[in-house]
Amino acid sequence: MISPADEAAVAAQLGREPRAVHEVGHRCPCGNPDVVTTEPRLPNGTPFPTTFYLTCPRAASRIGTLEGTGVMKQMQDRLAEDEELAAAYAAAHERYLAARAELAAEVGQEVPEIEGISAGGMPDRVKCLHVLAGQALVQGPGVNPLGDEVLELLGPWWEAGPCVDR
């Protein structure tokens, strides 16, 4: 469950009320949530595959800049050439699916519409660096190699202090 203070911080980060938030998945060093874990269905019943949702606007902005520099294409090309990287990325996909299945069971939500579909383009493509970074933050280093790379490229986005007041 998410506390009212964290829910208010996430709303301020997103500029809207958050939907289907289950809990804070990761906390920024500044103390605010930076990733929330979302339920596999939105309140209106729509399937929602993005289990680890990056909420920090500073991190999201930096990631958007990275996406604009061609990093995703470079990562995609490496997936095609590096079997070890491709295998690790496929394993990250499976870990993502397992986390969503565990959450779905916990909250009593079956979501057959998105079964086998993770997020971010996994397991074969690189489509959204925000998702990869979110997974790396929540599930830790070594789970998603490309998510780890994104976090390394971002640098310490929190150094300027909290992105929103708590």
N, C-alpha and C. Protein backbone atom coordinates (compact mmCIF):
# COMPACT_ATOMS: atom_id res chain seq x y z
N MET A 1 0.84 -1.19 0.00
CA MET A 1 0.00 0.00 0.00
C MET A 1 0.88 1.24 0.00
N ILE A 2 0.41 2.29 -0.61
CA ILE A 2 1.18 3.53 -0.69
C ILE A 2 0.60 4.53 0.31
N SER A 3 1.48 5.24 0.98
CA SER A 3 1.05 6.20 1.99
C SER A 3 0.47 7.44 1.31
N PRO A 4 -0.37 8.19 2.01
CA PRO A 4 -0.90 9.43 1.43
C PRO A 4 0.21 10.41 1.03
N ALA A 5 1.27 10.50 1.82
CA ALA A 5 2.37 11.41 1.50
C ALA A 5 3.07 10.98 0.21
N ASP A 6 3.30 9.68 0.07
CA ASP A 6 3.94 9.19 -1.17
C ASP A 6 3.01 9.36 -2.36
N GLU A 7 1.73 9.12 -2.16
CA GLU A 7 0.78 9.30 -3.26
C GLU A 7 0.74 10.76 -3.71
N ALA A 8 0.81 11.68 -2.76
CA ALA A 8 0.84 13.11 -3.10
C ALA A 8 2.13 13.46 -3.84
N ALA A 9 3.25 12.89 -3.41
CA ALA A 9 4.52 13.15 -4.10
C ALA A 9 4.47 12.63 -5.54
N VAL A 10 3.94 11.43 -5.72
CA VAL A 10 3.84 10.85 -7.06
C VAL A 10 2.89 11.69 -7.93
N ALA A 11 1.79 12.14 -7.37
CA ALA A 11 0.87 13.00 -8.12
C ALA A 11 1.57 14.28 -8.56
N ALA A 12 2.37 14.85 -7.67
CA ALA A 12 3.11 16.07 -8.02
C ALA A 12 4.15 15.77 -9.11
N GLN A 13 4.80 14.63 -9.01
CA GLN A 13 5.79 14.25 -10.02
C GLN A 13 5.15 14.08 -11.40
N LEU A 14 4.00 13.42 -11.41
CA LEU A 14 3.34 13.12 -12.69
C LEU A 14 2.49 14.28 -13.22
N GLY A 15 2.10 15.17 -12.32
CA GLY A 15 1.20 16.25 -12.71
C GLY A 15 -0.24 15.78 -12.88
N ARG A 16 -0.54 14.64 -12.27
CA ARG A 16 -1.89 14.06 -12.31
C ARG A 16 -1.99 13.04 -11.18
N GLU A 17 -3.21 12.60 -10.92
CA GLU A 17 -3.39 11.55 -9.92
C GLU A 17 -2.83 10.23 -10.45
N PRO A 18 -2.06 9.54 -9.64
CA PRO A 18 -1.55 8.23 -10.09
C PRO A 18 -2.67 7.20 -10.16
N ARG A 19 -2.49 6.22 -11.03
CA ARG A 19 -3.51 5.18 -11.21
C ARG A 19 -2.91 3.81 -10.87
N ALA A 20 -3.68 3.01 -10.17
CA ALA A 20 -3.35 1.61 -9.90
C ALA A 20 -2.01 1.41 -9.20
N VAL A 21 -1.59 2.38 -8.41
CA VAL A 21 -0.32 2.24 -7.69
C VAL A 21 -0.51 1.24 -6.55
N HIS A 22 0.36 0.26 -6.53
CA HIS A 22 0.32 -0.74 -5.47
C HIS A 22 1.23 -0.34 -4.31
N GLU A 23 2.45 0.08 -4.66
CA GLU A 23 3.41 0.47 -3.63
C GLU A 23 4.56 1.24 -4.27
N VAL A 24 5.38 1.83 -3.42
CA VAL A 24 6.61 2.44 -3.88
C VAL A 24 7.57 1.30 -4.19
N GLY A 25 8.03 1.26 -5.43
CA GLY A 25 8.95 0.20 -5.83
C GLY A 25 10.39 0.54 -5.50
N HIS A 26 10.71 1.83 -5.59
CA HIS A 26 12.07 2.30 -5.30
C HIS A 26 11.98 3.74 -4.83
N ARG A 27 12.87 4.09 -3.95
CA ARG A 27 12.92 5.44 -3.42
C ARG A 27 14.23 6.09 -3.85
N CYS A 28 14.12 7.30 -4.34
CA CYS A 28 15.27 8.11 -4.73
C CYS A 28 16.10 8.42 -3.47
N PRO A 29 17.39 8.65 -3.61
CA PRO A 29 18.18 9.05 -2.45
C PRO A 29 17.65 10.33 -1.77
N CYS A 30 16.86 11.14 -2.48
CA CYS A 30 16.29 12.35 -1.89
C CYS A 30 15.13 12.02 -0.95
N GLY A 31 14.63 10.80 -1.01
CA GLY A 31 13.53 10.39 -0.14
C GLY A 31 12.20 10.20 -0.85
N ASN A 32 12.02 10.82 -1.99
CA ASN A 32 10.77 10.67 -2.75
C ASN A 32 10.74 9.33 -3.47
N PRO A 33 9.54 8.83 -3.78
CA PRO A 33 9.47 7.68 -4.68
C PRO A 33 10.05 8.10 -6.04
N ASP A 34 10.72 7.18 -6.71
CA ASP A 34 11.11 7.45 -8.10
C ASP A 34 10.58 6.37 -9.04
N VAL A 35 10.14 5.25 -8.48
CA VAL A 35 9.46 4.21 -9.25
C VAL A 35 8.33 3.66 -8.38
N VAL A 36 7.16 3.52 -8.98
CA VAL A 36 6.06 2.86 -8.29
C VAL A 36 5.77 1.53 -8.98
N THR A 37 5.28 0.61 -8.19
CA THR A 37 4.82 -0.67 -8.72
C THR A 37 3.33 -0.54 -8.96
N THR A 38 2.93 -0.77 -10.20
CA THR A 38 1.53 -0.60 -10.56
C THR A 38 0.86 -1.95 -10.75
N GLU A 39 -0.41 -1.98 -10.42
CA GLU A 39 -1.18 -3.21 -10.59
C GLU A 39 -1.36 -3.50 -12.08
N PRO A 40 -1.55 -4.75 -12.43
CA PRO A 40 -1.63 -5.11 -13.85
C PRO A 40 -2.90 -4.66 -14.56
N ARG A 41 -3.86 -4.15 -13.82
CA ARG A 41 -5.07 -3.57 -14.43
C ARG A 41 -5.30 -2.20 -13.83
N LEU A 42 -5.65 -1.25 -14.70
CA LEU A 42 -6.05 0.06 -14.23
C LEU A 42 -7.44 -0.03 -13.62
N PRO A 43 -7.85 0.95 -12.84
CA PRO A 43 -9.18 0.89 -12.22
C PRO A 43 -10.33 0.69 -13.20
N ASN A 44 -10.17 1.15 -14.45
CA ASN A 44 -11.24 0.97 -15.44
C ASN A 44 -11.20 -0.39 -16.13
N GLY A 45 -10.26 -1.26 -15.70
CA GLY A 45 -10.16 -2.60 -16.25
C GLY A 45 -9.15 -2.78 -17.36
N THR A 46 -8.57 -1.70 -17.85
CA THR A 46 -7.59 -1.78 -18.93
C THR A 46 -6.32 -2.48 -18.45
N PRO A 47 -5.82 -3.47 -19.21
CA PRO A 47 -4.54 -4.09 -18.86
C PRO A 47 -3.42 -3.05 -18.89
N PHE A 48 -2.51 -3.14 -17.93
CA PHE A 48 -1.41 -2.18 -17.83
C PHE A 48 -0.10 -2.95 -17.65
N PRO A 49 0.68 -3.12 -18.71
CA PRO A 49 1.87 -3.96 -18.62
C PRO A 49 3.06 -3.32 -17.90
N THR A 50 3.05 -2.00 -17.68
CA THR A 50 4.19 -1.34 -17.08
C THR A 50 4.14 -1.48 -15.55
N THR A 51 4.70 -2.55 -15.07
CA THR A 51 4.68 -2.86 -13.64
C THR A 51 5.55 -1.89 -12.86
N PHE A 52 6.71 -1.55 -13.39
CA PHE A 52 7.64 -0.63 -12.71
C PHE A 52 7.61 0.70 -13.45
N TYR A 53 6.89 1.66 -12.88
CA TYR A 53 6.61 2.92 -13.55
C TYR A 53 7.48 4.02 -12.96
N LEU A 54 8.38 4.55 -13.77
CA LEU A 54 9.28 5.62 -13.35
C LEU A 54 8.48 6.91 -13.17
N THR A 55 8.57 7.52 -12.00
CA THR A 55 7.78 8.72 -11.72
C THR A 55 8.60 9.99 -11.59
N CYS A 56 9.88 9.88 -11.32
CA CYS A 56 10.71 11.07 -11.10
C CYS A 56 10.85 11.86 -12.40
N PRO A 57 10.39 13.11 -12.42
CA PRO A 57 10.47 13.88 -13.66
C PRO A 57 11.89 14.20 -14.09
N ARG A 58 12.81 14.33 -13.14
CA ARG A 58 14.22 14.61 -13.53
C ARG A 58 14.82 13.39 -14.22
N ALA A 59 14.64 12.22 -13.63
CA ALA A 59 15.16 11.00 -14.26
C ALA A 59 14.48 10.78 -15.61
N ALA A 60 13.17 10.97 -15.66
CA ALA A 60 12.43 10.77 -16.90
C ALA A 60 12.91 11.73 -17.99
N SER A 61 13.19 12.95 -17.62
CA SER A 61 13.66 13.93 -18.60
C SER A 61 15.04 13.54 -19.14
N ARG A 62 15.92 13.14 -18.25
CA ARG A 62 17.25 12.71 -18.70
C ARG A 62 17.15 11.49 -19.60
N ILE A 63 16.26 10.59 -19.27
CA ILE A 63 16.08 9.40 -20.10
C ILE A 63 15.53 9.79 -21.47
N GLY A 64 14.60 10.73 -21.50
CA GLY A 64 14.08 11.22 -22.77
C GLY A 64 15.18 11.79 -23.64
N THR A 65 16.11 12.51 -23.02
CA THR A 65 17.25 13.05 -23.75
C THR A 65 18.11 11.92 -24.31
N LEU A 66 18.35 10.89 -23.48
CA LEU A 66 19.11 9.73 -23.95
C LEU A 66 18.43 9.07 -25.14
N GLU A 67 17.13 8.91 -25.05
CA GLU A 67 16.40 8.27 -26.15
C GLU A 67 16.58 9.06 -27.45
N GLY A 68 16.68 10.37 -27.32
CA GLY A 68 16.85 11.22 -28.50
C GLY A 68 18.24 11.18 -29.10
N THR A 69 19.20 10.57 -28.39
CA THR A 69 20.58 10.52 -28.89
C THR A 69 20.92 9.24 -29.64
N GLY A 70 19.96 8.34 -29.76
CA GLY A 70 20.21 7.11 -30.49
C GLY A 70 20.67 5.94 -29.63
N VAL A 71 20.62 6.10 -28.31
CA VAL A 71 21.05 5.04 -27.41
C VAL A 71 20.23 3.76 -27.62
N MET A 72 18.93 3.92 -27.83
CA MET A 72 18.08 2.73 -28.01
C MET A 72 18.50 1.93 -29.24
N LYS A 73 18.80 2.59 -30.34
CA LYS A 73 19.22 1.89 -31.55
C LYS A 73 20.55 1.19 -31.31
N GLN A 74 21.47 1.85 -30.62
CA GLN A 74 22.75 1.21 -30.32
C GLN A 74 22.55 -0.04 -29.47
N MET A 75 21.68 0.06 -28.47
CA MET A 75 21.40 -1.10 -27.61
C MET A 75 20.74 -2.21 -28.43
N GLN A 76 19.80 -1.84 -29.28
CA GLN A 76 19.11 -2.82 -30.14
C GLN A 76 20.11 -3.54 -31.03
N ASP A 77 21.03 -2.79 -31.63
CA ASP A 77 22.05 -3.39 -32.49
C ASP A 77 22.92 -4.36 -31.70
N ARG A 78 23.28 -3.99 -30.48
CA ARG A 78 24.10 -4.87 -29.64
C ARG A 78 23.36 -6.15 -29.29
N LEU A 79 22.04 -6.06 -29.07
CA LEU A 79 21.27 -7.27 -28.78
C LEU A 79 21.37 -8.28 -29.91
N ALA A 80 21.40 -7.79 -31.14
CA ALA A 80 21.49 -8.67 -32.31
C ALA A 80 22.87 -9.30 -32.46
N GLU A 81 23.88 -8.66 -31.90
CA GLU A 81 25.26 -9.12 -32.09
C GLU A 81 25.83 -9.88 -30.89
N ASP A 82 25.31 -9.64 -29.72
CA ASP A 82 25.91 -10.16 -28.48
C ASP A 82 24.95 -11.17 -27.83
N GLU A 83 25.25 -12.45 -28.01
CA GLU A 83 24.37 -13.50 -27.50
C GLU A 83 24.23 -13.47 -25.98
N GLU A 84 25.32 -13.15 -25.30
CA GLU A 84 25.28 -13.09 -23.84
C GLU A 84 24.37 -11.95 -23.36
N LEU A 85 24.48 -10.80 -24.00
CA LEU A 85 23.61 -9.67 -23.67
C LEU A 85 22.16 -10.02 -23.97
N ALA A 86 21.92 -10.64 -25.12
CA ALA A 86 20.55 -11.02 -25.49
C ALA A 86 19.96 -12.01 -24.49
N ALA A 87 20.77 -12.94 -24.01
CA ALA A 87 20.28 -13.91 -23.03
C ALA A 87 19.97 -13.23 -21.70
N ALA A 88 20.81 -12.31 -21.28
CA ALA A 88 20.58 -11.59 -20.03
C ALA A 88 19.33 -10.71 -20.13
N TYR A 89 19.13 -10.12 -21.29
CA TYR A 89 17.95 -9.27 -21.52
C TYR A 89 16.68 -10.13 -21.52
N ALA A 90 16.76 -11.32 -22.12
CA ALA A 90 15.62 -12.24 -22.10
C ALA A 90 15.31 -12.69 -20.67
N ALA A 91 16.35 -12.90 -19.87
CA ALA A 91 16.15 -13.26 -18.46
C ALA A 91 15.49 -12.09 -17.71
N ALA A 92 15.85 -10.87 -18.04
CA ALA A 92 15.22 -9.69 -17.41
C ALA A 92 13.74 -9.66 -17.75
N HIS A 93 13.40 -9.99 -18.97
CA HIS A 93 12.01 -10.09 -19.41
C HIS A 93 11.26 -11.10 -18.54
N GLU A 94 11.86 -12.25 -18.32
CA GLU A 94 11.22 -13.29 -17.50
C GLU A 94 11.05 -12.83 -16.05
N ARG A 95 12.03 -12.12 -15.52
CA ARG A 95 11.93 -11.60 -14.15
C ARG A 95 10.80 -10.57 -14.06
N TYR A 96 10.65 -9.76 -15.10
CA TYR A 96 9.58 -8.76 -15.15
C TYR A 96 8.22 -9.46 -15.13
N LEU A 97 8.09 -10.48 -15.98
CA LEU A 97 6.83 -11.22 -16.04
C LEU A 97 6.53 -11.90 -14.70
N ALA A 98 7.55 -12.45 -14.07
CA ALA A 98 7.35 -13.13 -12.79
C ALA A 98 6.90 -12.14 -11.71
N ALA A 99 7.49 -10.96 -11.70
CA ALA A 99 7.08 -9.94 -10.72
C ALA A 99 5.63 -9.52 -10.95
N ARG A 100 5.25 -9.34 -12.21
CA ARG A 100 3.86 -8.96 -12.49
C ARG A 100 2.90 -10.08 -12.12
N ALA A 101 3.27 -11.32 -12.40
CA ALA A 101 2.41 -12.46 -12.04
C ALA A 101 2.24 -12.56 -10.53
N GLU A 102 3.31 -12.33 -9.79
CA GLU A 102 3.23 -12.37 -8.33
C GLU A 102 2.31 -11.26 -7.81
N LEU A 103 2.44 -10.07 -8.37
CA LEU A 103 1.58 -8.96 -7.98
C LEU A 103 0.13 -9.24 -8.37
N ALA A 104 -0.09 -9.77 -9.56
CA ALA A 104 -1.45 -10.09 -10.01
C ALA A 104 -2.11 -11.09 -9.06
N ALA A 105 -1.35 -12.07 -8.63
CA ALA A 105 -1.89 -13.06 -7.69
C ALA A 105 -2.20 -12.40 -6.35
N GLU A 106 -1.32 -11.53 -5.91
CA GLU A 106 -1.51 -10.84 -4.62
C GLU A 106 -2.78 -9.99 -4.61
N VAL A 107 -3.04 -9.30 -5.72
CA VAL A 107 -4.19 -8.38 -5.76
C VAL A 107 -5.42 -9.02 -6.42
N GLY A 108 -5.29 -10.28 -6.83
CA GLY A 108 -6.43 -10.98 -7.42
C GLY A 108 -6.83 -10.48 -8.79
N GLN A 109 -5.83 -10.20 -9.63
CA GLN A 109 -6.11 -9.71 -10.98
C GLN A 109 -5.49 -10.64 -12.01
N GLU A 110 -6.31 -11.34 -12.73
CA GLU A 110 -5.82 -12.10 -13.87
C GLU A 110 -5.83 -11.18 -15.09
N VAL A 111 -4.76 -11.24 -15.86
CA VAL A 111 -4.66 -10.35 -17.02
C VAL A 111 -4.13 -11.15 -18.22
N PRO A 112 -4.97 -12.03 -18.76
CA PRO A 112 -4.51 -12.87 -19.87
C PRO A 112 -4.18 -12.06 -21.13
N GLU A 113 -4.74 -10.86 -21.25
CA GLU A 113 -4.49 -10.03 -22.45
C GLU A 113 -3.02 -9.66 -22.62
N ILE A 114 -2.28 -9.61 -21.51
CA ILE A 114 -0.87 -9.20 -21.61
C ILE A 114 0.07 -10.32 -21.17
N GLU A 115 -0.44 -11.53 -21.09
CA GLU A 115 0.40 -12.67 -20.71
C GLU A 115 1.56 -12.80 -21.70
N GLY A 116 2.76 -12.92 -21.16
CA GLY A 116 3.95 -13.06 -21.99
C GLY A 116 4.51 -11.75 -22.50
N ILE A 117 3.81 -10.65 -22.25
CA ILE A 117 4.26 -9.33 -22.70
C ILE A 117 4.77 -8.58 -21.49
N SER A 118 6.03 -8.20 -21.53
CA SER A 118 6.55 -7.41 -20.42
C SER A 118 6.41 -5.94 -20.79
N ALA A 119 7.49 -5.23 -20.93
CA ALA A 119 7.42 -3.81 -21.28
C ALA A 119 8.79 -3.39 -21.80
N GLY A 120 8.85 -2.22 -22.37
CA GLY A 120 10.13 -1.69 -22.82
C GLY A 120 10.70 -2.33 -24.06
N GLY A 121 9.93 -3.23 -24.69
CA GLY A 121 10.41 -3.93 -25.88
C GLY A 121 10.99 -5.30 -25.59
N MET A 122 11.16 -5.64 -24.32
CA MET A 122 11.73 -6.94 -23.97
C MET A 122 10.86 -8.06 -24.53
N PRO A 123 11.43 -9.17 -24.91
CA PRO A 123 12.82 -9.58 -24.78
C PRO A 123 13.69 -9.34 -26.03
N ASP A 124 13.08 -8.85 -27.11
CA ASP A 124 13.83 -8.76 -28.37
C ASP A 124 14.20 -7.36 -28.82
N ARG A 125 13.51 -6.36 -28.28
CA ARG A 125 13.71 -4.99 -28.75
C ARG A 125 14.03 -4.07 -27.59
N VAL A 126 14.48 -2.87 -27.92
CA VAL A 126 14.69 -1.82 -26.93
C VAL A 126 13.77 -0.68 -27.36
N LYS A 127 12.68 -0.52 -26.62
CA LYS A 127 11.63 0.40 -27.03
C LYS A 127 11.42 1.55 -26.04
N CYS A 128 11.77 1.35 -24.77
CA CYS A 128 11.52 2.39 -23.77
C CYS A 128 12.55 2.28 -22.65
N LEU A 129 13.46 3.23 -22.61
CA LEU A 129 14.50 3.21 -21.59
C LEU A 129 13.94 3.48 -20.20
N HIS A 130 12.81 4.19 -20.12
CA HIS A 130 12.19 4.46 -18.82
C HIS A 130 11.83 3.16 -18.10
N VAL A 131 11.27 2.22 -18.85
CA VAL A 131 10.88 0.93 -18.28
C VAL A 131 12.11 0.15 -17.83
N LEU A 132 13.15 0.16 -18.65
CA LEU A 132 14.36 -0.59 -18.31
C LEU A 132 15.00 -0.03 -17.05
N ALA A 133 15.04 1.29 -16.94
CA ALA A 133 15.59 1.92 -15.74
C ALA A 133 14.72 1.61 -14.52
N GLY A 134 13.41 1.66 -14.69
CA GLY A 134 12.51 1.35 -13.59
C GLY A 134 12.73 -0.06 -13.07
N GLN A 135 12.87 -1.01 -13.98
CA GLN A 135 13.11 -2.39 -13.56
C GLN A 135 14.45 -2.49 -12.83
N ALA A 136 15.47 -1.84 -13.35
CA ALA A 136 16.79 -1.90 -12.72
C ALA A 136 16.76 -1.29 -11.32
N LEU A 137 16.01 -0.23 -11.14
CA LEU A 137 15.92 0.38 -9.81
C LEU A 137 15.18 -0.53 -8.83
N VAL A 138 14.06 -1.10 -9.26
CA VAL A 138 13.24 -1.91 -8.35
C VAL A 138 13.88 -3.26 -8.09
N GLN A 139 14.33 -3.94 -9.12
CA GLN A 139 14.82 -5.30 -8.95
C GLN A 139 16.32 -5.38 -8.70
N GLY A 140 17.01 -4.27 -8.82
CA GLY A 140 18.42 -4.20 -8.44
C GLY A 140 19.40 -4.43 -9.57
N PRO A 141 20.66 -4.10 -9.30
CA PRO A 141 21.71 -4.27 -10.30
C PRO A 141 21.86 -5.73 -10.71
N GLY A 142 22.16 -5.93 -11.99
CA GLY A 142 22.41 -7.26 -12.50
C GLY A 142 21.18 -7.97 -13.05
N VAL A 143 19.99 -7.41 -12.85
CA VAL A 143 18.78 -8.05 -13.36
C VAL A 143 18.56 -7.69 -14.82
N ASN A 144 18.65 -6.41 -15.15
CA ASN A 144 18.45 -5.96 -16.52
C ASN A 144 19.71 -5.21 -16.95
N PRO A 145 20.56 -5.85 -17.78
CA PRO A 145 21.82 -5.21 -18.13
C PRO A 145 21.65 -3.87 -18.84
N LEU A 146 20.63 -3.75 -19.67
CA LEU A 146 20.43 -2.48 -20.37
C LEU A 146 19.85 -1.43 -19.42
N GLY A 147 19.02 -1.84 -18.49
CA GLY A 147 18.53 -0.93 -17.46
C GLY A 147 19.68 -0.41 -16.60
N ASP A 148 20.61 -1.29 -16.26
CA ASP A 148 21.80 -0.87 -15.51
C ASP A 148 22.59 0.17 -16.29
N GLU A 149 22.73 -0.05 -17.60
CA GLU A 149 23.45 0.91 -18.45
C GLU A 149 22.75 2.27 -18.47
N VAL A 150 21.43 2.24 -18.56
CA VAL A 150 20.66 3.50 -18.56
C VAL A 150 20.95 4.27 -17.27
N LEU A 151 20.90 3.58 -16.14
CA LEU A 151 21.14 4.26 -14.86
C LEU A 151 22.55 4.83 -14.80
N GLU A 152 23.51 4.11 -15.34
CA GLU A 152 24.88 4.61 -15.36
C GLU A 152 24.98 5.86 -16.24
N LEU A 153 24.30 5.86 -17.38
CA LEU A 153 24.33 7.01 -18.27
C LEU A 153 23.63 8.23 -17.67
N LEU A 154 22.63 7.99 -16.83
CA LEU A 154 21.88 9.09 -16.22
C LEU A 154 22.72 9.90 -15.24
N GLY A 155 23.56 9.22 -14.52
CA GLY A 155 24.28 9.90 -13.46
C GLY A 155 23.32 10.22 -12.31
N PRO A 156 23.80 10.93 -11.32
CA PRO A 156 23.00 11.21 -10.12
C PRO A 156 21.97 12.33 -10.33
N TRP A 157 20.81 11.96 -10.83
CA TRP A 157 19.76 12.93 -11.13
C TRP A 157 19.22 13.61 -9.89
N TRP A 158 19.44 13.07 -8.72
CA TRP A 158 18.88 13.57 -7.46
C TRP A 158 19.75 14.64 -6.80
N GLU A 159 20.94 14.89 -7.31
CA GLU A 159 21.87 15.79 -6.63
C GLU A 159 21.33 17.19 -6.39
N ALA A 160 20.42 17.65 -7.23
CA ALA A 160 19.87 19.00 -7.06
C ALA A 160 18.81 19.05 -5.96
N GLY A 161 18.55 17.93 -5.31
CA GLY A 161 17.54 17.87 -4.26
C GLY A 161 16.25 17.27 -4.79
N PRO A 162 15.25 17.19 -3.93
CA PRO A 162 13.98 16.57 -4.33
C PRO A 162 13.35 17.26 -5.54
N CYS A 163 12.76 16.45 -6.42
CA CYS A 163 12.10 16.99 -7.60
C CYS A 163 10.76 17.64 -7.25
N VAL A 164 10.16 17.19 -6.14
CA VAL A 164 8.92 17.78 -5.64
C VAL A 164 8.97 17.82 -4.12
N ASP A 165 8.23 18.71 -3.52
CA ASP A 165 8.16 18.76 -2.06
C ASP A 165 7.27 17.64 -1.55
N ARG A 166 7.65 17.07 -0.43
CA ARG A 166 6.83 16.02 0.20
C ARG A 166 5.84 16.66 1.13
